[in-house]
Structures are given as structure tokens and as C-alpha cells.
Amino acid sequence: MLADERVSSNEVSVKTVKGVITLHGKVASAEEQKAAEEIALKIEGQKKVVNQLTVVPTAQRKMVDRQDDQIVTDVKKAITNEASLKKAAIDVRAEKGIVTLTGKAPSLATSVRASEVARRVAGVRAVRNELAITARAAASDRVPAATAGTHPRSGAKAARSRVDDVEDRITMLHATLNITPAQEELWTNVTQVMRDNAKTMDALTTARVAQAPTMTAVEDLKSYTEITKAHAEGLTKFLPAFEALYASMSDAQKAEANTMFRGHQRRPTAAKATKPTSPASASNTASTR
């Protein structure tokens, strides 16, 4: 990438995981941002390119860098002071007020909490949570059992969590809605809510699956109530983020979004028609299935 004259910034970092290339850092223009993505797309063996480069005009660079340095310091302090995050190994990066969390978390709940703590820090405009759940925690979150009332996945799908599904859905939505570089910041807000909601629902539903064999009828109802409540809270968080993005859309983008969400309202399950699938299915895969 450094050999290509279209990309002048030396602050572009590249992360590759299982063929997925993620671009981080700051560039001086939207043209440079697009060029970096085009270069990455030509790399042999890549499966997908996630462009998270932030555009910062040269004239604003020093000021933005100072602000980002302060945000990183404040977020790290907030994480250190949060008792529930003591066992997490979290690194923090900020790009024009957009904070990225990387490292490892011992559980899905810890990962979600880290996003919440970072989001409350002054100056933070959005949070990207790229924390990896430790192998032991991830394994415990994927118990392949069936319980009444949760509509669990079956067969090959049981190995995939909502967190896996939401990443596929984010990719699909980005392409279908034709998100523009100018909309990326608003899009980041939407996708982080989607990821956080998916993690919350995954933790609740997998815990329900694991506890099902010993649940009483009352405990079963309480568990389902918690899932339903989390689903409603997820929608409440998703709405303002998506509403801001929707307001920035062109008429063509809005028409595509309208069609997509109406389609989810009409889609029944394979076995029988249940309550309409809410926009959460397009936003956070938070339905109890």
C-alpha cells in the first residue's frame, strides 16, 4: 500500500483475520480512503475488505490527533476504573472521535460492558468493539441443545452464534443500502448497536439453553422474560442510531431500506406464522427464534 502514490498516509494499519482485511487509521481525503480499499481488494486470498479508515483533512490533523490522544487516555482510565472489566485485556484506539476496542474479553457480557463504558466518555462519537471472546467463554456460549420457547437453531446452524450472523447481516446491509463514505460515521453507530445487541442476546439465549434441563416452569418463564426485555431494549437503542442514518439517506437508499424492513415484517417462520419479525432481525438478530 505504501508503494501506491494514491495513498500518502503512513498511518494506515492493516489487520487480517481469516482472509478478512480491516483497514484502520486516518487519511486526508475520501479519494485516498477509496484507493486504500481498492488496493486491499487486489490482495490475493482476501475474502472481504472492511474499510474503517477515517478521513481527516491535513489542516485539521494536529488538532484531531490531540483530541484523539485525550480520548484514548480517558477511555483507558474509564475501563481501568470499571470493576467488571478488570479481567479483560483491552487496547484502545481513537480516530476522529471513533473509538476502537481490541484485545480479549472473558465473556460476551464483559465485551458489551466495555462498549457501554467507552461510549460514555466525553468526546467519543462512536465505538467499534472488536474484542475477541476467549476460547473457553466462546465454547460455553454455544451449547447445542434445544429448549421450549426459544426457537433455537438446529442442525448446521447451531454452530453459529448471533454474533456470527450479525456480521454477515452488516455486510449485506452495507452493500444493499449503498452506504457512502459521508455516512460511515452514522453507519458505525448503527453497526455497533447491532453488535452489542447480538452479544447480549447470545449470552441470554445460550444461558437459557444450558440451564434448560434443570429449570422449573417459573424459572423458564423468568428466563424468557429476560430475553424479551433485552430484545425490546435492543430495539430502543437501535432506533435513534438508525433514525439518524435514515435521515442522511438519499431517496433511493430510503426506498431500499423501506422495502427491506417491510419484507422482514411479512416473513413467517418455516413451521408456522409467528409474531411479525421486528426490525431487530435486520438490525441485531435479536429475535428469540
C-alpha atoms as a PDB file:
ATOM      1  CA  MET A   1       0.000   0.000   0.000  1.00  0.00           C
ATOM      2  CA  LEU A   2       2.891   2.351   0.742  1.00  0.00           C
ATOM      3  CA  ALA A   3       4.119   1.856  -2.841  1.00  0.00           C
ATOM      4  CA  ASP A   4       0.900   3.269  -4.297  1.00  0.00           C
ATOM      5  CA  GLU A   5       1.083   7.040  -4.765  1.00  0.00           C
ATOM      6  CA  ARG A   6      -2.685   7.381  -4.279  1.00  0.00           C
ATOM      7  CA  VAL A   7      -2.254   6.600  -0.565  1.00  0.00           C
ATOM      8  CA  SER A   8       0.087   9.083   1.071  1.00  0.00           C
ATOM      9  CA  SER A   9      -0.705   8.461   4.711  1.00  0.00           C
ATOM     10  CA  ASN A  10       1.726   6.340   6.719  1.00  0.00           C
ATOM     11  CA  GLU A  11      -0.889   5.831   9.434  1.00  0.00           C
ATOM     12  CA  VAL A  12      -2.907   3.215   7.604  1.00  0.00           C
ATOM     13  CA  SER A  13      -2.786  -0.056   9.514  1.00  0.00           C
ATOM     14  CA  VAL A  14      -3.907  -3.383   8.094  1.00  0.00           C
ATOM     15  CA  LYS A  15      -5.316  -6.262  10.114  1.00  0.00           C
ATOM     16  CA  THR A  16      -6.078  -9.651   8.537  1.00  0.00           C
ATOM     17  CA  VAL A  17      -8.116 -12.373  10.236  1.00  0.00           C
ATOM     18  CA  LYS A  18      -9.188 -15.473   8.313  1.00  0.00           C
ATOM     19  CA  GLY A  19      -8.960 -13.675   4.998  1.00  0.00           C
ATOM     20  CA  VAL A  20     -10.876 -10.591   6.168  1.00  0.00           C
ATOM     21  CA  ILE A  21      -8.767  -7.455   5.780  1.00  0.00           C
ATOM     22  CA  THR A  22      -9.608  -4.497   8.036  1.00  0.00           C
ATOM     23  CA  LEU A  23      -8.164  -1.065   7.333  1.00  0.00           C
ATOM     24  CA  HIS A  24      -7.671   1.327  10.257  1.00  0.00           C
ATOM     25  CA  GLY A  25      -6.185   4.781  10.542  1.00  0.00           C
ATOM     26  CA  LYS A  26      -6.508   8.280   9.126  1.00  0.00           C
ATOM     27  CA  VAL A  27      -6.274   9.508   5.548  1.00  0.00           C
ATOM     28  CA  ALA A  28      -6.518  13.014   4.132  1.00  0.00           C
ATOM     29  CA  SER A  29      -9.410  12.532   1.702  1.00  0.00           C
ATOM     30  CA  ALA A  30     -12.297  10.317   0.623  1.00  0.00           C
ATOM     31  CA  GLU A  31     -10.358   9.564  -2.574  1.00  0.00           C
ATOM     32  CA  GLU A  32      -7.440   8.243  -0.529  1.00  0.00           C
ATOM     33  CA  GLN A  33      -9.842   6.203   1.601  1.00  0.00           C
ATOM     34  CA  LYS A  34     -11.338   4.609  -1.513  1.00  0.00           C
ATOM     35  CA  ALA A  35      -7.939   3.986  -3.082  1.00  0.00           C
ATOM     36  CA  ALA A  36      -6.731   2.123   0.012  1.00  0.00           C
ATOM     37  CA  GLU A  37      -9.757  -0.156  -0.194  1.00  0.00           C
ATOM     38  CA  GLU A  38      -9.182  -0.793  -3.896  1.00  0.00           C
ATOM     39  CA  ILE A  39      -5.579  -1.794  -3.187  1.00  0.00           C
ATOM     40  CA  ALA A  40      -6.661  -4.183  -0.436  1.00  0.00           C
ATOM     41  CA  LEU A  41      -9.271  -5.768  -2.711  1.00  0.00           C
ATOM     42  CA  LYS A  42      -6.499  -6.765  -5.114  1.00  0.00           C
ATOM     43  CA  ILE A  43      -4.607  -8.743  -2.461  1.00  0.00           C
ATOM     44  CA  GLU A  44      -4.584 -12.421  -3.333  1.00  0.00           C
ATOM     45  CA  GLY A  45      -6.544 -14.612  -0.938  1.00  0.00           C
ATOM     46  CA  GLN A  46      -8.633 -11.875   0.641  1.00  0.00           C
ATOM     47  CA  LYS A  47     -12.270 -12.764   1.280  1.00  0.00           C
ATOM     48  CA  LYS A  48     -13.549  -9.336   2.290  1.00  0.00           C
ATOM     49  CA  VAL A  49     -12.258  -5.839   2.977  1.00  0.00           C
ATOM     50  CA  VAL A  50     -13.636  -3.785   5.859  1.00  0.00           C
ATOM     51  CA  ASN A  51     -12.748  -0.137   5.360  1.00  0.00           C
ATOM     52  CA  GLN A  52     -12.682   1.684   8.692  1.00  0.00           C
ATOM     53  CA  LEU A  53     -10.356   4.470   7.585  1.00  0.00           C
ATOM     54  CA  THR A  54     -11.286   7.909   8.862  1.00  0.00           C
ATOM     55  CA  VAL A  55     -10.981  10.983   6.655  1.00  0.00           C
ATOM     56  CA  VAL A  56      -9.169  13.864   8.397  1.00  0.00           C
ATOM     57  CA  PRO A  57      -8.131  16.822   6.198  1.00  0.00           C
ATOM     58  CA  THR A  58      -4.461  17.744   6.567  1.00  0.00           C
ATOM     59  CA  ALA A  59      -5.307  21.166   8.019  1.00  0.00           C
ATOM     60  CA  GLN A  60      -7.204  19.539  10.895  1.00  0.00           C
ATOM     61  CA  ARG A  61      -4.778  16.702  11.535  1.00  0.00           C
ATOM     62  CA  LYS A  62      -2.812  18.052  14.511  1.00  0.00           C
ATOM     63  CA  MET A  63      -5.920  19.210  16.349  1.00  0.00           C
ATOM     64  CA  VAL A  64      -7.753  15.912  15.745  1.00  0.00           C
ATOM     65  CA  ASP A  65      -4.710  13.897  16.830  1.00  0.00           C
ATOM     66  CA  ARG A  66      -4.532  15.814  20.120  1.00  0.00           C
ATOM     67  CA  GLN A  67      -8.249  15.240  20.723  1.00  0.00           C
ATOM     68  CA  ASP A  68      -7.949  11.550  19.918  1.00  0.00           C
ATOM     69  CA  ASP A  69      -4.967  11.149  22.261  1.00  0.00           C
ATOM     70  CA  GLN A  70      -7.034  12.633  25.096  1.00  0.00           C
ATOM     71  CA  ILE A  71      -9.988  10.369  24.291  1.00  0.00           C
ATOM     72  CA  VAL A  72      -7.739   7.299  24.377  1.00  0.00           C
ATOM     73  CA  THR A  73      -6.398   8.360  27.777  1.00  0.00           C
ATOM     74  CA  ASP A  74      -9.905   8.959  29.150  1.00  0.00           C
ATOM     75  CA  VAL A  75     -11.351   5.698  27.799  1.00  0.00           C
ATOM     76  CA  LYS A  76      -8.453   3.671  29.206  1.00  0.00           C
ATOM     77  CA  LYS A  77      -8.974   5.332  32.583  1.00  0.00           C
ATOM     78  CA  ALA A  78     -12.714   4.595  32.497  1.00  0.00           C
ATOM     79  CA  ILE A  79     -12.051   0.943  31.641  1.00  0.00           C
ATOM     80  CA  THR A  80      -9.462   0.645  34.419  1.00  0.00           C
ATOM     81  CA  ASN A  81     -11.934   2.075  36.934  1.00  0.00           C
ATOM     82  CA  GLU A  82     -14.715  -0.324  35.909  1.00  0.00           C
ATOM     83  CA  ALA A  83     -14.638  -3.328  38.252  1.00  0.00           C
ATOM     84  CA  SER A  84     -16.350  -5.672  35.798  1.00  0.00           C
ATOM     85  CA  LEU A  85     -13.588  -5.101  33.226  1.00  0.00           C
ATOM     86  CA  LYS A  86     -10.645  -5.986  35.462  1.00  0.00           C
ATOM     87  CA  LYS A  87     -10.143  -9.380  33.789  1.00  0.00           C
ATOM     88  CA  ALA A  88     -10.303  -8.020  30.243  1.00  0.00           C
ATOM     89  CA  ALA A  89      -7.198  -7.141  28.232  1.00  0.00           C
ATOM     90  CA  ILE A  90      -8.398  -4.151  26.228  1.00  0.00           C
ATOM     91  CA  ASP A  91      -6.468  -1.862  23.913  1.00  0.00           C
ATOM     92  CA  VAL A  92      -7.960   1.453  22.805  1.00  0.00           C
ATOM     93  CA  ARG A  93      -7.552   3.420  19.590  1.00  0.00           C
ATOM     94  CA  ALA A  94      -9.340   6.631  18.556  1.00  0.00           C
ATOM     95  CA  GLU A  95      -9.759   8.069  15.083  1.00  0.00           C
ATOM     96  CA  LYS A  96     -11.633  11.385  14.878  1.00  0.00           C
ATOM     97  CA  GLY A  97     -13.624  10.511  17.995  1.00  0.00           C
ATOM     98  CA  ILE A  98     -14.428   6.979  16.839  1.00  0.00           C
ATOM     99  CA  VAL A  99     -13.046   4.570  19.426  1.00  0.00           C
ATOM    100  CA  THR A 100     -11.978   1.035  18.554  1.00  0.00           C
ATOM    101  CA  LEU A 101     -11.616  -1.577  21.287  1.00  0.00           C
ATOM    102  CA  THR A 102      -9.341  -4.538  20.573  1.00  0.00           C
ATOM    103  CA  GLY A 103      -7.959  -7.347  22.700  1.00  0.00           C
ATOM    104  CA  LYS A 104      -9.700 -10.066  24.677  1.00  0.00           C
ATOM    105  CA  ALA A 105     -12.715 -10.261  26.973  1.00  0.00           C
ATOM    106  CA  PRO A 106     -13.588 -13.215  29.236  1.00  0.00           C
ATOM    107  CA  SER A 107     -17.298 -13.133  28.297  1.00  0.00           C
ATOM    108  CA  LEU A 108     -19.864 -11.610  25.987  1.00  0.00           C
ATOM    109  CA  ALA A 109     -21.267  -9.579  28.878  1.00  0.00           C
ATOM    110  CA  THR A 110     -17.835  -8.102  29.555  1.00  0.00           C
ATOM    111  CA  SER A 111     -17.422  -7.157  25.905  1.00  0.00           C
ATOM    112  CA  VAL A 112     -20.795  -5.385  25.834  1.00  0.00           C
ATOM    113  CA  ARG A 113     -19.968  -3.595  29.082  1.00  0.00           C
ATOM    114  CA  ALA A 114     -16.700  -2.320  27.604  1.00  0.00           C
ATOM    115  CA  SER A 115     -18.640  -0.683  24.760  1.00  0.00           C
ATOM    116  CA  GLU A 116     -21.010   0.949  27.220  1.00  0.00           C
ATOM    117  CA  VAL A 117     -18.160   2.342  29.337  1.00  0.00           C
ATOM    118  CA  ALA A 118     -16.301   3.710  26.317  1.00  0.00           C
ATOM    119  CA  ARG A 119     -19.432   5.268  24.836  1.00  0.00           C
ATOM    120  CA  ARG A 120     -19.992   7.363  27.981  1.00  0.00           C
ATOM    121  CA  VAL A 121     -16.590   9.098  27.751  1.00  0.00           C
ATOM    122  CA  ALA A 122     -16.714  12.740  26.652  1.00  0.00           C
ATOM    123  CA  GLY A 123     -15.713  13.257  23.028  1.00  0.00           C
ATOM    124  CA  VAL A 124     -16.481   9.701  21.927  1.00  0.00           C
ATOM    125  CA  ARG A 125     -18.741   9.782  18.871  1.00  0.00           C
ATOM    126  CA  ALA A 126     -18.940   6.039  18.227  1.00  0.00           C
ATOM    127  CA  VAL A 127     -17.455   2.775  19.470  1.00  0.00           C
ATOM    128  CA  ARG A 128     -16.250  -0.149  17.388  1.00  0.00           C
ATOM    129  CA  ASN A 129     -15.982  -3.269  19.511  1.00  0.00           C
ATOM    130  CA  GLU A 130     -13.509  -5.772  18.063  1.00  0.00           C
ATOM    131  CA  LEU A 131     -12.849  -7.613  21.320  1.00  0.00           C
ATOM    132  CA  ALA A 132     -12.344 -11.340  20.951  1.00  0.00           C
ATOM    133  CA  ILE A 133     -14.110 -13.597  23.428  1.00  0.00           C
ATOM    134  CA  THR A 134     -11.683 -16.083  24.969  1.00  0.00           C
ATOM    135  CA  ALA A 135     -11.963 -19.618  23.603  1.00  0.00           C
ATOM    136  CA  ARG A 136     -13.284 -21.075  26.845  1.00  0.00           C
ATOM    137  CA  ALA A 137     -16.021 -18.450  27.140  1.00  0.00           C
ATOM    138  CA  ALA A 138     -16.953 -18.748  23.487  1.00  0.00           C
ATOM    139  CA  ALA A 139     -17.297 -22.510  23.790  1.00  0.00           C
ATOM    140  CA  SER A 140     -19.610 -22.193  26.792  1.00  0.00           C
ATOM    141  CA  ASP A 141     -21.752 -19.770  24.813  1.00  0.00           C
ATOM    142  CA  ARG A 142     -22.524 -22.346  22.125  1.00  0.00           C
ATOM    143  CA  VAL A 143     -24.223 -25.236  23.913  1.00  0.00           C
ATOM    144  CA  PRO A 144     -26.101 -27.143  21.167  1.00  0.00           C
ATOM    145  CA  ALA A 145     -29.328 -28.013  22.984  1.00  0.00           C
ATOM    146  CA  ALA A 146     -32.998 -27.232  22.421  1.00  0.00           C
ATOM    147  CA  THR A 147     -35.369 -25.579  24.864  1.00  0.00           C
ATOM    148  CA  ALA A 148     -39.068 -24.825  24.743  1.00  0.00           C
ATOM    149  CA  GLY A 149     -39.942 -21.257  23.850  1.00  0.00           C
ATOM    150  CA  THR A 150     -36.582 -20.113  22.483  1.00  0.00           C
ATOM    151  CA  HIS A 151     -36.944 -21.330  18.894  1.00  0.00           C
ATOM    152  CA  PRO A 152     -33.281 -22.474  18.840  1.00  0.00           C
ATOM    153  CA  ARG A 153     -31.334 -23.115  15.676  1.00  0.00           C
ATOM    154  CA  SER A 154     -30.994 -26.687  14.517  1.00  0.00           C
ATOM    155  CA  GLY A 155     -28.540 -28.753  12.529  1.00  0.00           C
ATOM    156  CA  ALA A 156     -25.557 -27.000  10.987  1.00  0.00           C
ATOM    157  CA  LYS A 157     -26.784 -23.583  12.086  1.00  0.00           C
ATOM    158  CA  ALA A 158     -26.352 -24.463  15.752  1.00  0.00           C
ATOM    159  CA  ALA A 159     -22.596 -23.846  15.451  1.00  0.00           C
ATOM    160  CA  ARG A 160     -23.167 -20.191  14.502  1.00  0.00           C
ATOM    161  CA  SER A 161     -23.985 -17.600  17.102  1.00  0.00           C
ATOM    162  CA  ARG A 162     -25.952 -14.396  16.669  1.00  0.00           C
ATOM    163  CA  VAL A 163     -22.603 -12.612  16.753  1.00  0.00           C
ATOM    164  CA  ASP A 164     -21.544 -14.562  13.662  1.00  0.00           C
ATOM    165  CA  ASP A 165     -24.869 -13.902  11.953  1.00  0.00           C
ATOM    166  CA  VAL A 166     -24.859 -10.175  12.647  1.00  0.00           C
ATOM    167  CA  GLU A 167     -21.516  -9.707  10.896  1.00  0.00           C
ATOM    168  CA  ASP A 168     -22.946 -11.289   7.752  1.00  0.00           C
ATOM    169  CA  ARG A 169     -26.021  -9.103   8.064  1.00  0.00           C
ATOM    170  CA  ILE A 170     -23.926  -5.946   8.493  1.00  0.00           C
ATOM    171  CA  THR A 171     -22.009  -6.736   5.325  1.00  0.00           C
ATOM    172  CA  MET A 172     -25.244  -7.370   3.442  1.00  0.00           C
ATOM    173  CA  LEU A 173     -26.891  -4.176   4.704  1.00  0.00           C
ATOM    174  CA  HIS A 174     -23.870  -2.019   3.864  1.00  0.00           C
ATOM    175  CA  ALA A 175     -23.898  -3.253   0.279  1.00  0.00           C
ATOM    176  CA  THR A 176     -27.681  -3.213  -0.159  1.00  0.00           C
ATOM    177  CA  LEU A 177     -28.128   0.277   1.259  1.00  0.00           C
ATOM    178  CA  ASN A 178     -25.100   1.604  -0.660  1.00  0.00           C
ATOM    179  CA  ILE A 179     -23.652   3.362   2.378  1.00  0.00           C
ATOM    180  CA  THR A 180     -21.492   6.295   1.249  1.00  0.00           C
ATOM    181  CA  PRO A 181     -18.189   7.485   2.781  1.00  0.00           C
ATOM    182  CA  ALA A 182     -20.041  10.516   4.167  1.00  0.00           C
ATOM    183  CA  GLN A 183     -22.435   8.174   6.003  1.00  0.00           C
ATOM    184  CA  GLU A 184     -19.768   5.904   7.511  1.00  0.00           C
ATOM    185  CA  GLU A 185     -19.792   7.589  10.932  1.00  0.00           C
ATOM    186  CA  LEU A 186     -23.565   7.210  11.244  1.00  0.00           C
ATOM    187  CA  TRP A 187     -23.253   3.653   9.924  1.00  0.00           C
ATOM    188  CA  THR A 188     -20.658   2.869  12.605  1.00  0.00           C
ATOM    189  CA  ASN A 189     -23.135   3.920  15.298  1.00  0.00           C
ATOM    190  CA  VAL A 190     -25.760   1.605  13.821  1.00  0.00           C
ATOM    191  CA  THR A 191     -23.471  -1.400  13.476  1.00  0.00           C
ATOM    192  CA  GLN A 192     -22.074  -1.095  16.987  1.00  0.00           C
ATOM    193  CA  VAL A 193     -25.579  -1.192  18.433  1.00  0.00           C
ATOM    194  CA  MET A 194     -26.241  -4.241  16.253  1.00  0.00           C
ATOM    195  CA  ARG A 195     -23.112  -5.983  17.546  1.00  0.00           C
ATOM    196  CA  ASP A 196     -23.796  -5.124  21.187  1.00  0.00           C
ATOM    197  CA  ASN A 197     -27.403  -6.298  20.919  1.00  0.00           C
ATOM    198  CA  ALA A 198     -26.339  -9.539  19.276  1.00  0.00           C
ATOM    199  CA  LYS A 199     -23.820 -10.227  22.035  1.00  0.00           C
ATOM    200  CA  THR A 200     -26.396  -9.542  24.747  1.00  0.00           C
ATOM    201  CA  MET A 201     -28.980 -11.821  23.141  1.00  0.00           C
ATOM    202  CA  ASP A 202     -26.385 -14.528  22.550  1.00  0.00           C
ATOM    203  CA  ALA A 203     -25.396 -14.517  26.207  1.00  0.00           C
ATOM    204  CA  LEU A 204     -29.014 -14.724  27.392  1.00  0.00           C
ATOM    205  CA  THR A 205     -30.208 -17.402  24.976  1.00  0.00           C
ATOM    206  CA  THR A 206     -27.187 -19.656  25.384  1.00  0.00           C
ATOM    207  CA  ALA A 207     -27.502 -19.402  29.172  1.00  0.00           C
ATOM    208  CA  ARG A 208     -31.146 -20.423  28.803  1.00  0.00           C
ATOM    209  CA  VAL A 209     -30.135 -23.420  26.704  1.00  0.00           C
ATOM    210  CA  ALA A 210     -27.528 -24.524  29.244  1.00  0.00           C
ATOM    211  CA  GLN A 211     -29.921 -24.209  32.201  1.00  0.00           C
ATOM    212  CA  ALA A 212     -32.953 -25.717  30.482  1.00  0.00           C
ATOM    213  CA  PRO A 213     -32.612 -29.297  31.807  1.00  0.00           C
ATOM    214  CA  THR A 214     -32.972 -28.137  35.428  1.00  0.00           C
ATOM    215  CA  MET A 215     -35.338 -25.186  35.020  1.00  0.00           C
ATOM    216  CA  THR A 216     -38.667 -25.093  36.808  1.00  0.00           C
ATOM    217  CA  ALA A 217     -41.683 -23.699  34.975  1.00  0.00           C
ATOM    218  CA  VAL A 218     -41.312 -20.393  36.833  1.00  0.00           C
ATOM    219  CA  GLU A 219     -37.589 -20.164  36.063  1.00  0.00           C
ATOM    220  CA  ASP A 220     -38.330 -20.874  32.423  1.00  0.00           C
ATOM    221  CA  LEU A 221     -40.816 -18.006  32.281  1.00  0.00           C
ATOM    222  CA  LYS A 222     -38.386 -15.664  34.022  1.00  0.00           C
ATOM    223  CA  SER A 223     -35.664 -16.578  31.544  1.00  0.00           C
ATOM    224  CA  TYR A 224     -37.944 -15.931  28.595  1.00  0.00           C
ATOM    225  CA  THR A 225     -38.990 -12.614  30.154  1.00  0.00           C
ATOM    226  CA  GLU A 226     -35.349 -11.532  30.377  1.00  0.00           C
ATOM    227  CA  ILE A 227     -34.852 -12.363  26.701  1.00  0.00           C
ATOM    228  CA  THR A 228     -37.986 -10.479  25.676  1.00  0.00           C
ATOM    229  CA  LYS A 229     -36.960  -7.466  27.767  1.00  0.00           C
ATOM    230  CA  ALA A 230     -33.455  -7.450  26.253  1.00  0.00           C
ATOM    231  CA  HIS A 231     -34.971  -7.645  22.784  1.00  0.00           C
ATOM    232  CA  ALA A 232     -37.142  -4.590  23.489  1.00  0.00           C
ATOM    233  CA  GLU A 233     -34.194  -2.686  24.969  1.00  0.00           C
ATOM    234  CA  GLY A 234     -32.148  -3.568  21.896  1.00  0.00           C
ATOM    235  CA  LEU A 235     -34.772  -2.012  19.656  1.00  0.00           C
ATOM    236  CA  THR A 236     -34.849   1.099  21.841  1.00  0.00           C
ATOM    237  CA  LYS A 237     -31.085   1.518  21.403  1.00  0.00           C
ATOM    238  CA  PHE A 238     -31.203   0.742  17.696  1.00  0.00           C
ATOM    239  CA  LEU A 239     -33.951   3.198  16.750  1.00  0.00           C
ATOM    240  CA  PRO A 240     -32.149   6.552  17.300  1.00  0.00           C
ATOM    241  CA  ALA A 241     -28.960   5.293  15.639  1.00  0.00           C
ATOM    242  CA  PHE A 242     -30.818   4.040  12.589  1.00  0.00           C
ATOM    243  CA  GLU A 243     -33.087   7.085  12.506  1.00  0.00           C
ATOM    244  CA  ALA A 244     -30.057   9.384  12.195  1.00  0.00           C
ATOM    245  CA  LEU A 245     -28.646   7.236   9.390  1.00  0.00           C
ATOM    246  CA  TYR A 246     -32.011   7.104   7.621  1.00  0.00           C
ATOM    247  CA  ALA A 247     -32.284  10.899   7.702  1.00  0.00           C
ATOM    248  CA  SER A 248     -28.985  11.140   5.795  1.00  0.00           C
ATOM    249  CA  MET A 249     -30.064   8.723   3.066  1.00  0.00           C
ATOM    250  CA  SER A 250     -30.952   9.573  -0.498  1.00  0.00           C
ATOM    251  CA  ASP A 251     -34.455   8.773  -1.740  1.00  0.00           C
ATOM    252  CA  ALA A 252     -33.117   5.637  -3.420  1.00  0.00           C
ATOM    253  CA  GLN A 253     -31.468   4.450  -0.193  1.00  0.00           C
ATOM    254  CA  LYS A 254     -34.626   5.131   1.792  1.00  0.00           C
ATOM    255  CA  ALA A 255     -36.705   3.172  -0.718  1.00  0.00           C
ATOM    256  CA  GLU A 256     -34.315   0.218  -0.361  1.00  0.00           C
ATOM    257  CA  ALA A 257     -34.463   0.415   3.442  1.00  0.00           C
ATOM    258  CA  ASN A 258     -38.265   0.645   3.399  1.00  0.00           C
ATOM    259  CA  THR A 259     -38.545  -2.431   1.198  1.00  0.00           C
ATOM    260  CA  MET A 260     -36.051  -4.370   3.311  1.00  0.00           C
ATOM    261  CA  PHE A 261     -37.756  -3.683   6.631  1.00  0.00           C
ATOM    262  CA  ARG A 262     -41.258  -4.258   5.294  1.00  0.00           C
ATOM    263  CA  GLY A 263     -40.062  -7.578   3.921  1.00  0.00           C
ATOM    264  CA  HIS A 264     -38.905  -8.658   7.390  1.00  0.00           C
ATOM    265  CA  GLN A 265     -42.321  -7.785   8.803  1.00  0.00           C
ATOM    266  CA  ARG A 266     -44.011 -10.167   6.385  1.00  0.00           C
ATOM    267  CA  ARG A 267     -41.658 -13.123   6.664  1.00  0.00           C
ATOM    268  CA  PRO A 268     -43.147 -16.128   8.592  1.00  0.00           C
ATOM    269  CA  THR A 269     -41.190 -18.960  10.129  1.00  0.00           C
ATOM    270  CA  ALA A 270     -40.893 -22.238   8.263  1.00  0.00           C
ATOM    271  CA  ALA A 271     -43.095 -24.125  10.706  1.00  0.00           C
ATOM    272  CA  LYS A 272     -45.850 -21.579  11.324  1.00  0.00           C
ATOM    273  CA  ALA A 273     -46.583 -17.884  11.199  1.00  0.00           C
ATOM    274  CA  THR A 274     -45.468 -16.268  14.443  1.00  0.00           C
ATOM    275  CA  LYS A 275     -45.493 -12.669  15.540  1.00  0.00           C
ATOM    276  CA  PRO A 276     -44.017 -10.338  12.855  1.00  0.00           C
ATOM    277  CA  THR A 277     -40.254 -10.280  12.768  1.00  0.00           C
ATOM    278  CA  SER A 278     -39.215  -6.881  14.061  1.00  0.00           C
ATOM    279  CA  PRO A 279     -36.565  -4.616  12.557  1.00  0.00           C
ATOM    280  CA  ALA A 280     -34.239  -6.183  15.143  1.00  0.00           C
ATOM    281  CA  SER A 281     -33.862  -9.074  12.760  1.00  0.00           C
ATOM    282  CA  ALA A 282     -32.382  -6.669  10.264  1.00  0.00           C
ATOM    283  CA  SER A 283     -30.514  -4.778  12.939  1.00  0.00           C
ATOM    284  CA  ASN A 284     -29.388  -7.013  15.744  1.00  0.00           C
ATOM    285  CA  THR A 285     -30.599 -10.557  15.094  1.00  0.00           C
ATOM    286  CA  ALA A 286     -32.198 -10.281  18.487  1.00  0.00           C
ATOM    287  CA  SER A 287     -35.279 -12.382  17.901  1.00  0.00           C
ATOM    288  CA  THR A 288     -35.562 -15.365  20.185  1.00  0.00           C
ATOM    289  CA  ARG A 289     -36.090 -17.678  17.232  1.00  0.00           C
END
